Amino acid sequence: MSKIVGFFESVGSEFKKVSWPTQQELIDNTIIVVVFTIIVSVFIFGVDQFYSTVLEAIYR
């Protein structure tokens, strides 16, 4: 039981060392991730449509 208590005490002390982002940093980073995800999704969709069109033309 003492090992479990020691583990949670060390977890608590490690959490105090973490450099937590401010709310504005969190919002900014979230916006960046969402925008980048949309851009990558649109790119992958475009490549998929291109390959689908090319393969459809080949197999006809």
N, C-alpha and C. Protein backbone atom coordinates (compact mmCIF):
# COMPACT_ATOMS: atom_id res chain seq x y z
N MET A 1 0.83 -1.20 0.00
CA MET A 1 0.00 0.00 0.00
C MET A 1 0.87 1.26 0.00
N SER A 2 2.02 1.19 0.64
CA SER A 2 2.89 2.36 0.70
C SER A 2 3.46 2.71 -0.67
N LYS A 3 3.63 1.69 -1.52
CA LYS A 3 4.12 1.96 -2.88
C LYS A 3 3.08 2.75 -3.68
N ILE A 4 1.81 2.41 -3.49
CA ILE A 4 0.74 3.11 -4.20
C ILE A 4 0.68 4.56 -3.75
N VAL A 5 0.74 4.78 -2.44
CA VAL A 5 0.72 6.13 -1.89
C VAL A 5 1.93 6.92 -2.39
N GLY A 6 3.09 6.28 -2.40
CA GLY A 6 4.30 6.94 -2.90
C GLY A 6 4.19 7.31 -4.36
N PHE A 7 3.56 6.41 -5.13
CA PHE A 7 3.36 6.70 -6.56
C PHE A 7 2.51 7.94 -6.75
N PHE A 8 1.39 8.03 -6.04
CA PHE A 8 0.51 9.17 -6.20
C PHE A 8 1.13 10.46 -5.66
N GLU A 9 1.95 10.36 -4.65
CA GLU A 9 2.66 11.54 -4.16
C GLU A 9 3.66 12.04 -5.20
N SER A 10 4.35 11.12 -5.85
CA SER A 10 5.30 11.54 -6.89
C SER A 10 4.57 12.09 -8.11
N VAL A 11 3.40 11.54 -8.43
CA VAL A 11 2.61 12.09 -9.53
C VAL A 11 2.20 13.52 -9.21
N GLY A 12 1.76 13.75 -7.98
CA GLY A 12 1.37 15.10 -7.57
C GLY A 12 2.53 16.08 -7.64
N SER A 13 3.71 15.65 -7.23
CA SER A 13 4.87 16.55 -7.29
C SER A 13 5.28 16.82 -8.73
N GLU A 14 5.12 15.85 -9.60
CA GLU A 14 5.45 16.07 -11.02
C GLU A 14 4.45 17.03 -11.66
N PHE A 15 3.18 16.96 -11.28
CA PHE A 15 2.17 17.88 -11.82
C PHE A 15 2.49 19.32 -11.44
N LYS A 16 3.11 19.52 -10.29
CA LYS A 16 3.47 20.88 -9.89
C LYS A 16 4.59 21.45 -10.74
N LYS A 17 5.39 20.58 -11.37
CA LYS A 17 6.50 21.02 -12.22
C LYS A 17 6.07 21.35 -13.65
N VAL A 18 4.87 20.94 -14.01
CA VAL A 18 4.39 21.12 -15.39
C VAL A 18 4.16 22.60 -15.67
N SER A 19 4.57 23.04 -16.85
CA SER A 19 4.32 24.41 -17.28
C SER A 19 3.00 24.42 -18.06
N TRP A 20 1.92 24.79 -17.38
CA TRP A 20 0.60 24.76 -18.00
C TRP A 20 0.42 25.99 -18.89
N PRO A 21 -0.23 25.83 -20.06
CA PRO A 21 -0.46 26.98 -20.93
C PRO A 21 -1.54 27.90 -20.36
N THR A 22 -1.44 29.18 -20.76
CA THR A 22 -2.49 30.11 -20.37
C THR A 22 -3.73 29.81 -21.22
N GLN A 23 -4.84 30.40 -20.83
CA GLN A 23 -6.08 30.16 -21.58
C GLN A 23 -5.94 30.67 -23.01
N GLN A 24 -5.29 31.82 -23.20
CA GLN A 24 -5.13 32.37 -24.55
C GLN A 24 -4.21 31.48 -25.39
N GLU A 25 -3.15 30.96 -24.81
CA GLU A 25 -2.27 30.03 -25.55
C GLU A 25 -3.04 28.78 -25.95
N LEU A 26 -3.87 28.29 -25.07
CA LEU A 26 -4.67 27.11 -25.35
C LEU A 26 -5.64 27.36 -26.50
N ILE A 27 -6.29 28.52 -26.48
CA ILE A 27 -7.23 28.88 -27.54
C ILE A 27 -6.49 29.01 -28.87
N ASP A 28 -5.36 29.72 -28.87
CA ASP A 28 -4.58 29.91 -30.09
C ASP A 28 -4.12 28.58 -30.68
N ASN A 29 -3.59 27.71 -29.82
CA ASN A 29 -3.11 26.42 -30.31
C ASN A 29 -4.25 25.54 -30.82
N THR A 30 -5.40 25.62 -30.18
CA THR A 30 -6.56 24.85 -30.63
C THR A 30 -7.00 25.33 -32.01
N ILE A 31 -7.02 26.63 -32.22
CA ILE A 31 -7.41 27.18 -33.52
C ILE A 31 -6.42 26.72 -34.59
N ILE A 32 -5.13 26.76 -34.28
CA ILE A 32 -4.11 26.33 -35.23
C ILE A 32 -4.32 24.86 -35.61
N VAL A 33 -4.58 24.02 -34.63
CA VAL A 33 -4.77 22.59 -34.89
C VAL A 33 -6.02 22.36 -35.73
N VAL A 34 -7.11 23.04 -35.42
CA VAL A 34 -8.35 22.86 -36.18
C VAL A 34 -8.17 23.32 -37.63
N VAL A 35 -7.55 24.48 -37.83
CA VAL A 35 -7.34 25.00 -39.19
C VAL A 35 -6.42 24.06 -39.96
N PHE A 36 -5.34 23.62 -39.37
CA PHE A 36 -4.42 22.71 -40.05
C PHE A 36 -5.10 21.39 -40.39
N THR A 37 -5.94 20.88 -39.49
CA THR A 37 -6.68 19.65 -39.74
C THR A 37 -7.62 19.81 -40.92
N ILE A 38 -8.29 20.95 -41.01
CA ILE A 38 -9.19 21.21 -42.14
C ILE A 38 -8.40 21.28 -43.43
N ILE A 39 -7.25 21.97 -43.42
CA ILE A 39 -6.43 22.09 -44.62
C ILE A 39 -5.95 20.72 -45.09
N VAL A 40 -5.46 19.91 -44.18
CA VAL A 40 -4.98 18.57 -44.55
C VAL A 40 -6.13 17.71 -45.06
N SER A 41 -7.29 17.82 -44.43
CA SER A 41 -8.45 17.04 -44.87
C SER A 41 -8.87 17.42 -46.28
N VAL A 42 -8.89 18.71 -46.57
CA VAL A 42 -9.24 19.17 -47.93
C VAL A 42 -8.21 18.69 -48.93
N PHE A 43 -6.93 18.72 -48.58
CA PHE A 43 -5.88 18.23 -49.47
C PHE A 43 -6.06 16.74 -49.76
N ILE A 44 -6.27 15.95 -48.72
CA ILE A 44 -6.45 14.51 -48.90
C ILE A 44 -7.70 14.23 -49.73
N PHE A 45 -8.77 14.97 -49.49
CA PHE A 45 -9.99 14.82 -50.29
C PHE A 45 -9.71 15.12 -51.76
N GLY A 46 -8.96 16.18 -52.03
CA GLY A 46 -8.63 16.53 -53.40
C GLY A 46 -7.80 15.46 -54.09
N VAL A 47 -6.81 14.94 -53.40
CA VAL A 47 -5.97 13.87 -53.97
C VAL A 47 -6.82 12.63 -54.22
N ASP A 48 -7.69 12.30 -53.31
CA ASP A 48 -8.57 11.14 -53.47
C ASP A 48 -9.49 11.31 -54.67
N GLN A 49 -10.06 12.50 -54.82
CA GLN A 49 -10.93 12.75 -55.97
C GLN A 49 -10.15 12.65 -57.27
N PHE A 50 -8.93 13.18 -57.28
CA PHE A 50 -8.10 13.12 -58.48
C PHE A 50 -7.81 11.67 -58.86
N TYR A 51 -7.35 10.88 -57.89
CA TYR A 51 -7.04 9.48 -58.18
C TYR A 51 -8.28 8.70 -58.58
N SER A 52 -9.41 8.99 -57.96
CA SER A 52 -10.65 8.31 -58.32
C SER A 52 -11.03 8.62 -59.76
N THR A 53 -10.89 9.88 -60.16
CA THR A 53 -11.20 10.27 -61.54
C THR A 53 -10.26 9.60 -62.53
N VAL A 54 -8.99 9.58 -62.23
CA VAL A 54 -8.01 8.97 -63.12
C VAL A 54 -8.27 7.47 -63.22
N LEU A 55 -8.47 6.79 -62.12
CA LEU A 55 -8.71 5.35 -62.16
C LEU A 55 -10.03 5.01 -62.85
N GLU A 56 -11.02 5.85 -62.65
CA GLU A 56 -12.30 5.61 -63.34
C GLU A 56 -12.13 5.75 -64.84
N ALA A 57 -11.34 6.71 -65.28
CA ALA A 57 -11.09 6.89 -66.71
C ALA A 57 -10.29 5.72 -67.26
N ILE A 58 -9.37 5.18 -66.50
CA ILE A 58 -8.56 4.05 -66.97
C ILE A 58 -9.39 2.79 -67.09
N TYR A 59 -10.26 2.53 -66.12
CA TYR A 59 -11.01 1.27 -66.09
C TYR A 59 -12.26 1.28 -66.95
N ARG A 60 -12.57 2.36 -67.61
CA ARG A 60 -13.77 2.36 -68.48
C ARG A 60 -13.49 1.74 -69.78
